[in-house]
Amino acid sequence: MTIRTRFAPSPTGYLHVGGARTALFSWLYARKHGGTFILRIEDTDLERSTVDAVNAILEGMTWLGLEYDEGPFYQTHRFERYKAIAQQLLNEGKAYHCYCTREELDNLRAEQLARKEKPRYDGRCRHRTEPREGVQPVMRFRNPDDGEVVIEDLVRGQVIVKNSELDDLIILRSDGTPTYNFTVVVDDLDMQITHVIRGDDHLNNTPRQINILKALGAPLPKYAHVPMILGPDGAKLSKRHGAVSVMQYRDDGYLPEALINYLVRLGWSHGDQEIFSVDEMIELFDVNDINHSASAFNPEKLLWLNHHYIMHSDPLHVAHHLRWHLGQLDIDPTRGPDPVRVVEAQRERCKTLVDMAKASVFFYKEFEAYDEKAASKNLTADNLGALQALETKLWALGNWSREAIHQVVVETAETLGVKMGSVAQPLRVAVSGTTVSPPIDLTLELLGKDTTLSRVGRAIAYINKKA
């Protein structure tokens, strides 16, 4: 049997971390078993589904590297197929037209609640043979009256639901559009889905979907319902916890592999291992190892992982993503040092690519003003001689390399009889505008000789003007 999994988001909003984790688990399971991963867009909610939301899903999947083998398939393109299957069920007596009005259904619900009964449709139209004038009917699936549905869930174990607890589900609305639980069944059947991995908020839908599959004589997929993700406070994950768009993490300076690594550990583990390459995830992932309890989202751990990947990934790869962030700051990365070298210089102190881009602006653009506190302490008359001496020596430097620059700074400090920091820090403020930068010799090497000397001259003029 070829494994076939699917990710089926509704395009009514962005791709959030919960959906991304579901997609990841489905993708990993397919990849591990040499199977097929399918992307299906469940866009039957015509009022809420938008093109922008579809694009956000596709963009998020691409950024995360979760490539799909088939699709994307759109449910709105398959309405005729759903109607044909509904008609088949109707012809076989497994579905029927329901002419109950909204008022009648509301009254039924109120009466059941008054009797402290579970609100459910009572099947009053099951045996109706004549249409009702002036009422456009819905179509309902005739759920079995007796027996039970047994779900051998790969995560939760055996789940049993009595059919008497289920009412007759609407499969076609009065306007002829199909409902979610019906389209899912037809799609899973047609796409030959073997494993349905999804959030446990769908568990209540599963018995209904299984009964429709059985009525169609279809093979049942295996189900795995993954526990939800909670915020650090134990409440349902929300925007305030970090349940934002996957692409917001891109915008906030996270590497995709850091988010993927974090998501795979939200509910799945392999011993005490924390860091996984994608290849390791594929090799080690098993649905049966998914935790039964909900996972808590921890932004600090995600940030730690991101710093790990910034530190240990190929600088060429990190620079690929850094270029985009530099562009967001209106910086052309070709007008300055190679971003690969900037990554190597900055990665130890920067936990996100946003931090790195902001800390590297001075490599590519002239800064408008010095940090006030840094200038008041370092660009003073007491340090004027050191900067002038450095300017002279740097002008004369033929080999503009980190080693040669380091020697100039050391010799200047020795000549003046001061510690190296007393020379390096005013120089750092002169060229970067602040007291924070990579090692001063590396900073100057990346800036280049012309830019360095221009900025040292600017700092000397600043001190003279202030004096």
Protein backbone atom coordinates (compact mmCIF):
# COMPACT_ATOMS: atom_id res chain seq x y z
CA MET A 1 0.00 0.00 0.00
CA THR A 2 1.31 3.44 -0.94
CA ILE A 3 0.96 5.93 1.90
CA ARG A 4 -1.07 8.99 0.93
CA THR A 5 -1.50 11.86 3.39
CA ARG A 6 -3.05 15.28 2.97
CA PHE A 7 -3.06 18.74 4.46
CA ALA A 8 -6.42 20.41 4.00
CA PRO A 9 -6.55 23.97 5.34
CA SER A 10 -9.50 26.34 4.98
CA PRO A 11 -8.44 29.62 3.33
CA THR A 12 -10.28 31.81 5.81
CA GLY A 13 -7.11 33.21 7.40
CA TYR A 14 -3.36 32.78 7.51
CA LEU A 15 -1.41 29.54 7.97
CA HIS A 16 -0.83 29.46 11.74
CA VAL A 17 1.54 27.30 13.79
CA GLY A 18 -1.11 24.69 14.58
CA GLY A 19 -1.88 24.16 10.91
CA ALA A 20 1.81 24.18 10.04
CA ARG A 21 2.48 21.43 12.60
CA THR A 22 -0.34 19.31 11.15
CA ALA A 23 1.11 19.81 7.68
CA LEU A 24 4.59 18.91 8.95
CA PHE A 25 3.45 15.68 10.62
CA SER A 26 1.53 14.64 7.48
CA TRP A 27 4.48 15.55 5.26
CA LEU A 28 6.99 13.67 7.42
CA TYR A 29 4.85 10.54 7.51
CA ALA A 30 4.53 10.52 3.73
CA ARG A 31 8.23 11.19 3.21
CA LYS A 32 9.29 8.50 5.70
CA HIS A 33 7.26 5.83 3.93
CA GLY A 34 7.97 6.93 0.37
CA GLY A 35 4.39 8.11 0.06
CA THR A 36 2.54 11.04 -1.44
CA PHE A 37 1.70 14.30 0.31
CA ILE A 38 -1.33 16.15 -1.05
CA LEU A 39 -2.39 19.77 -0.52
CA ARG A 40 -6.14 20.38 -0.62
CA ILE A 41 -7.74 23.79 -0.19
CA GLU A 42 -11.11 23.42 1.57
CA ASP A 43 -12.69 26.61 0.26
CA THR A 44 -16.40 25.74 0.37
CA ASP A 45 -17.01 28.56 2.86
CA LEU A 46 -17.58 30.98 0.01
CA GLU A 47 -18.16 34.01 2.23
CA ARG A 48 -14.97 33.69 4.28
CA SER A 49 -12.53 32.09 1.83
CA THR A 50 -10.24 34.59 0.11
CA VAL A 51 -7.55 34.55 -2.56
CA ASP A 52 -5.18 36.30 -0.14
CA ALA A 53 -5.65 33.51 2.40
CA VAL A 54 -4.95 30.87 -0.26
CA ASN A 55 -1.77 32.71 -1.22
CA ALA A 56 -0.75 32.97 2.44
CA ILE A 57 -1.08 29.19 2.80
CA LEU A 58 0.94 28.51 -0.34
CA GLU A 59 3.58 31.04 0.67
CA GLY A 60 3.86 29.56 4.16
CA MET A 61 4.23 26.01 2.82
CA THR A 62 6.93 27.13 0.39
CA TRP A 63 8.88 29.04 3.03
CA LEU A 64 8.80 26.04 5.39
CA GLY A 65 9.97 23.73 2.62
CA LEU A 66 6.89 21.47 2.84
CA GLU A 67 6.63 20.69 -0.84
CA TYR A 68 3.50 18.83 -1.90
CA ASP A 69 3.39 16.07 -4.50
CA GLU A 70 -0.18 16.64 -5.71
CA GLY A 71 -2.38 19.70 -5.70
CA PRO A 72 -3.34 22.17 -4.64
CA PHE A 73 -6.86 20.85 -5.18
CA TYR A 74 -9.75 23.27 -4.61
CA GLN A 75 -13.08 22.00 -3.33
CA THR A 76 -14.95 24.73 -5.19
CA HIS A 77 -13.79 23.06 -8.43
CA ARG A 78 -15.44 19.79 -7.40
CA PHE A 79 -19.05 20.77 -6.66
CA GLU A 80 -20.45 18.59 -9.44
CA ARG A 81 -18.66 15.57 -8.00
CA TYR A 82 -20.11 16.21 -4.53
CA LYS A 83 -23.62 16.56 -5.96
CA ALA A 84 -23.22 13.31 -7.88
CA ILE A 85 -22.21 11.39 -4.75
CA ALA A 86 -25.06 12.99 -2.78
CA GLN A 87 -27.49 11.90 -5.47
CA GLN A 88 -26.06 8.39 -5.30
CA LEU A 89 -26.73 8.26 -1.56
CA LEU A 90 -30.24 9.64 -2.13
CA ASN A 91 -30.97 7.02 -4.79
CA GLU A 92 -29.79 4.24 -2.47
CA GLY A 93 -31.97 5.46 0.39
CA LYS A 94 -28.92 6.50 2.43
CA ALA A 95 -29.83 10.19 2.29
CA TYR A 96 -33.07 12.16 2.20
CA HIS A 97 -34.47 15.64 1.70
CA CYS A 98 -35.28 17.58 4.85
CA TYR A 99 -37.88 20.36 4.61
CA CYS A 100 -37.67 21.61 8.21
CA THR A 101 -37.52 25.39 8.51
CA ARG A 102 -35.04 27.24 10.68
CA GLU A 103 -37.86 28.14 13.07
CA GLU A 104 -38.87 24.50 13.45
CA LEU A 105 -35.31 23.42 14.13
CA ASP A 106 -34.87 26.20 16.70
CA ASN A 107 -38.04 25.12 18.47
CA LEU A 108 -36.89 21.49 18.45
CA ARG A 109 -33.56 22.51 19.98
CA ALA A 110 -35.29 24.60 22.67
CA GLU A 111 -37.59 21.72 23.61
CA GLN A 112 -34.68 19.29 23.87
CA LEU A 113 -32.68 21.66 26.03
CA ALA A 114 -35.72 22.19 28.27
CA ARG A 115 -35.84 18.42 28.76
CA LYS A 116 -32.07 18.47 29.40
CA GLU A 117 -31.48 16.36 26.32
CA LYS A 118 -28.58 16.64 23.91
CA PRO A 119 -29.75 18.88 21.01
CA ARG A 120 -29.91 16.83 17.83
CA TYR A 121 -32.07 16.49 14.74
CA ASP A 122 -34.77 13.88 15.39
CA GLY A 123 -35.11 12.57 11.84
CA ARG A 124 -38.67 13.80 11.38
CA CYS A 125 -38.24 14.13 7.62
CA ARG A 126 -36.73 10.67 7.14
CA HIS A 127 -39.99 9.20 5.86
CA ARG A 128 -41.39 12.24 4.07
CA THR A 129 -42.37 11.31 0.52
CA GLU A 130 -43.81 14.59 -0.72
CA PRO A 131 -42.04 17.95 -1.12
CA ARG A 132 -43.11 20.88 1.04
CA GLU A 133 -44.35 23.85 -0.91
CA GLY A 134 -42.29 27.01 -0.53
CA VAL A 135 -39.37 25.28 1.24
CA GLN A 136 -36.09 24.53 -0.50
CA PRO A 137 -34.83 21.36 1.23
CA VAL A 138 -31.42 20.40 2.51
CA MET A 139 -30.14 16.88 2.03
CA ARG A 140 -29.28 14.82 5.11
CA PHE A 141 -27.27 11.62 5.44
CA ARG A 142 -29.27 8.82 7.03
CA ASN A 143 -27.02 7.86 9.95
CA PRO A 144 -27.32 4.27 11.24
CA ASP A 145 -29.68 4.01 14.22
CA ASP A 146 -27.90 1.18 15.98
CA GLY A 147 -24.38 -0.01 16.61
CA GLU A 148 -21.26 2.01 17.18
CA VAL A 149 -18.29 3.52 15.38
CA VAL A 150 -14.91 2.22 16.50
CA ILE A 151 -11.96 4.49 15.72
CA GLU A 152 -8.54 2.86 16.08
CA ASP A 153 -6.77 6.16 16.51
CA LEU A 154 -2.99 6.06 16.03
CA VAL A 155 -2.50 8.68 18.75
CA ARG A 156 -5.42 8.34 21.15
CA GLY A 157 -5.98 4.60 20.91
CA GLN A 158 -9.45 3.13 20.54
CA VAL A 159 -12.34 5.60 20.55
CA ILE A 160 -15.92 4.27 20.48
CA VAL A 161 -18.98 6.38 19.64
CA LYS A 162 -22.53 5.02 19.66
CA ASN A 163 -24.53 5.78 16.54
CA SER A 164 -27.44 6.78 18.74
CA GLU A 165 -25.34 9.81 19.73
CA LEU A 166 -25.11 11.02 16.14
CA ASP A 167 -27.88 12.77 14.23
CA ASP A 168 -28.51 12.93 10.50
CA LEU A 169 -25.85 15.22 9.11
CA ILE A 170 -26.67 17.81 6.43
CA ILE A 171 -24.57 16.99 3.37
CA LEU A 172 -26.05 19.51 0.90
CA ARG A 173 -27.38 22.91 1.94
CA SER A 174 -30.61 24.30 0.54
CA ASP A 175 -28.66 26.17 -2.14
CA GLY A 176 -27.02 22.92 -3.25
CA THR A 177 -23.58 23.65 -1.81
CA PRO A 178 -21.90 20.76 0.05
CA THR A 179 -20.99 20.84 3.74
CA TYR A 180 -17.55 20.33 5.23
CA ASN A 181 -18.03 16.81 6.60
CA PHE A 182 -19.34 15.60 3.27
CA THR A 183 -16.70 17.16 1.02
CA VAL A 184 -13.94 15.78 3.23
CA VAL A 185 -15.27 12.25 2.82
CA VAL A 186 -15.59 12.49 -0.97
CA ASP A 187 -12.14 14.07 -1.29
CA ASP A 188 -10.44 11.49 0.92
CA LEU A 189 -12.14 8.75 -1.09
CA ASP A 190 -11.25 10.16 -4.51
CA MET A 191 -7.69 11.04 -3.49
CA GLN A 192 -7.18 7.59 -1.94
CA ILE A 193 -6.02 9.04 1.37
CA THR A 194 -4.62 6.27 3.56
CA HIS A 195 -3.77 8.29 6.68
CA VAL A 196 -5.60 11.33 8.04
CA ILE A 197 -3.38 13.23 10.48
CA ARG A 198 -5.18 16.27 11.92
CA GLY A 199 -5.94 18.17 15.10
CA ASP A 200 -8.05 16.51 17.78
CA ASP A 201 -10.64 19.27 17.36
CA HIS A 202 -11.77 17.15 14.37
CA LEU A 203 -12.32 14.00 16.45
CA ASN A 204 -16.06 14.68 16.80
CA ASN A 205 -16.35 14.75 13.00
CA THR A 206 -14.63 11.43 12.48
CA PRO A 207 -17.52 9.04 13.39
CA ARG A 208 -19.83 10.90 11.00
CA GLN A 209 -17.27 10.77 8.22
CA ILE A 210 -16.62 7.07 8.81
CA ASN A 211 -20.34 6.31 8.53
CA ILE A 212 -20.56 8.12 5.18
CA LEU A 213 -17.48 6.25 3.93
CA LYS A 214 -19.06 2.97 4.96
CA ALA A 215 -22.29 3.91 3.19
CA LEU A 216 -20.26 4.48 0.02
CA GLY A 217 -18.52 1.11 0.42
CA ALA A 218 -15.18 2.91 0.65
CA PRO A 219 -12.04 1.75 2.48
CA LEU A 220 -11.40 3.62 5.73
CA PRO A 221 -8.22 5.61 6.18
CA LYS A 222 -6.30 5.36 9.42
CA TYR A 223 -6.81 8.36 11.70
CA ALA A 224 -4.37 10.16 13.97
CA HIS A 225 -5.78 13.03 16.01
CA VAL A 226 -3.02 15.26 17.32
CA PRO A 227 -3.57 17.10 20.64
CA MET A 228 -3.85 20.85 20.44
CA ILE A 229 -1.14 23.40 21.21
CA LEU A 230 -1.60 25.50 24.33
CA GLY A 231 -0.07 28.80 25.34
CA PRO A 232 2.54 28.94 28.13
CA ASP A 233 -0.27 29.72 30.58
CA GLY A 234 -2.20 26.57 29.68
CA ALA A 235 -4.91 28.43 27.77
CA LYS A 236 -5.78 27.82 24.13
CA LEU A 237 -3.04 29.15 21.90
CA SER A 238 -3.86 32.64 20.66
CA LYS A 239 -2.16 35.58 18.99
CA ARG A 240 -0.86 36.85 22.31
CA HIS A 241 1.00 33.55 22.77
CA GLY A 242 2.53 33.55 19.31
CA ALA A 243 -0.23 31.90 17.24
CA VAL A 244 0.46 34.25 14.39
CA SER A 245 0.93 33.63 10.71
CA VAL A 246 3.83 31.38 9.80
CA MET A 247 5.07 34.21 7.59
CA GLN A 248 5.14 36.52 10.62
CA TYR A 249 7.97 34.36 11.92
CA ARG A 250 9.78 34.98 8.65
CA ASP A 251 9.17 38.70 9.10
CA ASP A 252 10.40 38.50 12.70
CA GLY A 253 13.73 37.03 11.62
CA TYR A 254 13.33 33.30 12.16
CA LEU A 255 14.88 30.71 9.89
CA PRO A 256 12.38 28.19 8.47
CA GLU A 257 14.35 25.21 9.75
CA ALA A 258 14.26 26.65 13.29
CA LEU A 259 10.46 26.85 13.18
CA ILE A 260 10.20 23.37 11.62
CA ASN A 261 12.48 21.93 14.32
CA TYR A 262 10.43 23.64 17.01
CA LEU A 263 7.09 22.46 15.60
CA VAL A 264 8.17 18.84 15.30
CA ARG A 265 9.01 18.83 19.01
CA LEU A 266 5.57 20.21 19.90
CA GLY A 267 3.96 16.88 20.64
CA TRP A 268 6.61 14.47 19.31
CA SER A 269 9.93 13.40 20.73
CA HIS A 270 12.82 11.04 20.15
CA GLY A 271 14.53 10.49 23.46
CA ASP A 272 16.05 13.71 24.75
CA GLN A 273 17.16 14.97 21.35
CA GLU A 274 16.26 18.61 20.68
CA ILE A 275 18.00 19.44 17.40
CA PHE A 276 16.86 17.60 14.28
CA SER A 277 17.81 18.07 10.66
CA VAL A 278 14.99 17.50 8.21
CA ASP A 279 16.57 14.21 7.16
CA GLU A 280 16.65 13.09 10.80
CA MET A 281 13.01 14.05 11.24
CA ILE A 282 12.03 11.95 8.24
CA GLU A 283 14.08 8.99 9.46
CA LEU A 284 12.90 9.09 13.09
CA PHE A 285 9.32 10.39 12.93
CA ASP A 286 6.57 7.96 13.88
CA VAL A 287 2.91 8.83 14.39
CA ASN A 288 2.79 6.36 17.27
CA ASP A 289 5.31 8.50 19.16
CA ILE A 290 3.09 11.59 19.18
CA ASN A 291 2.23 12.58 22.74
CA HIS A 292 -1.32 12.05 23.98
CA SER A 293 -1.43 15.33 25.90
CA ALA A 294 -1.45 18.91 24.67
CA SER A 295 1.83 20.75 24.14
CA ALA A 296 2.71 24.21 25.45
CA PHE A 297 4.12 26.84 23.12
CA ASN A 298 7.39 28.29 24.46
CA PRO A 299 8.61 31.40 22.57
CA GLU A 300 11.93 31.41 24.47
CA LYS A 301 12.76 27.90 23.29
CA LEU A 302 11.92 28.83 19.71
CA LEU A 303 14.25 31.83 19.99
CA TRP A 304 16.99 29.57 21.39
CA LEU A 305 16.57 27.20 18.47
CA ASN A 306 16.68 30.07 16.00
CA HIS A 307 19.98 31.29 17.45
CA HIS A 308 21.34 27.75 17.23
CA TYR A 309 20.51 27.58 13.53
CA ILE A 310 21.93 31.04 12.87
CA MET A 311 25.13 29.94 14.61
CA HIS A 312 25.50 26.50 13.04
CA SER A 313 23.90 26.67 9.60
CA ASP A 314 25.95 27.28 6.48
CA PRO A 315 26.56 31.07 6.43
CA LEU A 316 25.66 31.04 2.74
CA HIS A 317 22.20 29.72 3.65
CA VAL A 318 21.71 32.24 6.47
CA ALA A 319 22.87 35.05 4.17
CA HIS A 320 20.24 33.99 1.64
CA HIS A 321 17.57 34.84 4.21
CA LEU A 322 19.44 37.87 5.61
CA ARG A 323 19.41 39.56 2.21
CA TRP A 324 15.61 39.75 2.34
CA HIS A 325 15.73 41.40 5.76
CA LEU A 326 18.32 43.90 4.57
CA GLY A 327 15.99 44.70 1.71
CA GLN A 328 13.20 45.42 4.19
CA LEU A 329 15.47 48.14 5.62
CA ASP A 330 15.88 49.66 2.15
CA ILE A 331 19.40 48.27 1.84
CA ASP A 332 20.89 46.89 -1.35
CA PRO A 333 23.18 44.06 -0.12
CA THR A 334 25.48 44.57 -3.12
CA ARG A 335 26.44 48.04 -1.84
CA GLY A 336 28.64 46.82 0.97
CA PRO A 337 30.30 43.69 2.31
CA ASP A 338 29.25 40.22 1.24
CA PRO A 339 26.28 39.22 3.45
CA VAL A 340 27.96 35.84 4.01
CA ARG A 341 30.80 37.60 5.79
CA VAL A 342 28.34 39.75 7.72
CA VAL A 343 26.61 36.59 8.93
CA GLU A 344 29.95 35.17 10.08
CA ALA A 345 30.72 38.42 11.90
CA GLN A 346 27.33 38.97 13.54
CA ARG A 347 25.80 35.55 14.20
CA GLU A 348 27.18 35.03 17.68
CA ARG A 349 25.37 38.05 19.12
CA CYS A 350 22.17 38.03 17.02
CA LYS A 351 19.29 35.71 17.85
CA THR A 352 17.13 36.72 14.89
CA LEU A 353 17.81 37.92 11.36
CA VAL A 354 15.93 41.12 12.16
CA ASP A 355 18.47 41.78 14.92
CA MET A 356 21.29 40.96 12.53
CA ALA A 357 19.98 43.19 9.75
CA LYS A 358 19.46 46.15 12.09
CA ALA A 359 22.90 45.66 13.66
CA SER A 360 24.46 45.62 10.18
CA VAL A 361 22.90 48.72 8.66
CA PHE A 362 26.08 50.74 9.27
CA PHE A 363 27.99 48.38 6.93
CA TYR A 364 25.79 49.47 4.02
CA LYS A 365 24.53 52.95 4.87
CA GLU A 366 25.97 56.09 6.39
CA PHE A 367 24.37 56.56 9.81
CA GLU A 368 22.69 59.88 10.48
CA ALA A 369 23.94 60.51 14.01
CA TYR A 370 26.05 58.98 16.74
CA ASP A 371 24.45 57.30 19.69
CA GLU A 372 24.36 60.16 22.17
CA LYS A 373 25.68 58.23 25.15
CA ALA A 374 28.38 56.51 23.09
CA ALA A 375 29.57 59.78 21.58
CA SER A 376 29.65 61.66 24.90
CA LYS A 377 31.96 59.01 26.36
CA ASN A 378 34.14 58.14 23.38
CA LEU A 379 34.20 61.03 20.91
CA THR A 380 35.91 63.49 23.23
CA ALA A 381 38.98 65.70 23.18
CA ASP A 382 40.81 63.08 25.26
CA ASN A 383 40.41 60.58 22.42
CA LEU A 384 41.14 62.97 19.57
CA GLY A 385 44.84 62.06 19.50
CA ALA A 386 44.10 58.35 19.27
CA LEU A 387 41.74 58.83 16.34
CA GLN A 388 44.21 61.11 14.54
CA ALA A 389 47.01 58.59 15.04
CA LEU A 390 44.77 55.79 13.78
CA GLU A 391 43.77 57.87 10.77
CA THR A 392 47.41 58.39 9.81
CA LYS A 393 48.35 54.73 10.20
CA LEU A 394 45.25 53.46 8.39
CA TRP A 395 45.86 55.83 5.47
CA ALA A 396 49.33 54.34 5.10
CA LEU A 397 48.10 50.75 5.30
CA GLY A 398 48.63 49.00 1.98
CA ASN A 399 47.23 45.60 2.93
CA TRP A 400 43.65 46.17 4.11
CA SER A 401 43.25 42.91 6.02
CA ARG A 402 41.97 42.06 9.45
CA GLU A 403 45.44 41.08 10.64
CA ALA A 404 47.06 44.30 9.43
CA ILE A 405 44.27 46.44 10.93
CA HIS A 406 44.62 44.63 14.25
CA GLN A 407 48.34 45.41 14.27
CA VAL A 408 47.64 49.11 13.65
CA VAL A 409 45.26 49.26 16.63
CA VAL A 410 47.74 47.43 18.88
CA GLU A 411 50.65 49.67 17.86
CA THR A 412 48.58 52.82 18.38
CA ALA A 413 47.62 51.73 21.90
CA GLU A 414 51.24 50.91 22.72
CA THR A 415 52.48 54.24 21.38
CA LEU A 416 49.94 56.14 23.47
CA GLY A 417 50.57 53.96 26.50
CA VAL A 418 46.92 52.98 26.92
CA LYS A 419 44.95 49.75 26.86
CA MET A 420 43.77 48.54 23.49
CA GLY A 421 40.11 49.14 24.42
CA SER A 422 40.84 52.85 24.92
CA VAL A 423 41.75 53.01 21.23
CA ALA A 424 39.34 50.44 19.83
CA GLN A 425 36.17 51.79 21.43
CA PRO A 426 36.42 55.38 20.11
CA LEU A 427 37.26 53.87 16.72
CA ARG A 428 34.18 51.64 16.92
CA VAL A 429 31.90 54.59 17.71
CA ALA A 430 33.52 56.57 14.89
CA VAL A 431 32.79 53.94 12.24
CA SER A 432 29.50 52.44 13.49
CA GLY A 433 27.89 55.23 15.50
CA THR A 434 27.50 52.94 18.54
CA THR A 435 29.58 50.94 21.03
CA VAL A 436 28.41 47.60 19.61
CA SER A 437 29.91 45.90 16.57
CA PRO A 438 31.90 42.79 15.67
CA PRO A 439 35.61 42.84 16.65
CA ILE A 440 37.01 46.17 15.54
CA ASP A 441 39.59 44.73 13.13
CA LEU A 442 36.91 42.65 11.41
CA THR A 443 34.50 45.59 11.39
CA LEU A 444 37.02 47.79 9.57
CA GLU A 445 37.94 45.05 7.13
CA LEU A 446 34.26 44.64 6.17
CA LEU A 447 33.68 48.39 5.88
CA GLY A 448 36.63 48.82 3.55
CA LYS A 449 39.38 51.40 3.60
CA ASP A 450 37.55 54.32 1.97
CA THR A 451 34.46 54.09 4.20
CA THR A 452 36.57 53.61 7.33
CA LEU A 453 38.76 56.65 6.69
CA SER A 454 35.74 58.77 5.73
CA ARG A 455 34.03 57.96 9.02
CA VAL A 456 37.17 58.44 11.13
CA GLY A 457 37.58 61.84 9.50
CA ARG A 458 33.94 62.61 10.29
CA ALA A 459 34.45 61.69 13.94
CA ILE A 460 37.57 63.90 14.18
CA ALA A 461 35.60 66.81 12.70
CA TYR A 462 32.76 66.10 15.18
CA ILE A 463 35.15 66.29 18.14
CA ASN A 464 36.77 69.49 16.86
CA LYS A 465 33.40 71.10 16.29
CA LYS A 466 32.18 70.12 19.74
CA ALA A 467 35.36 71.50 21.30
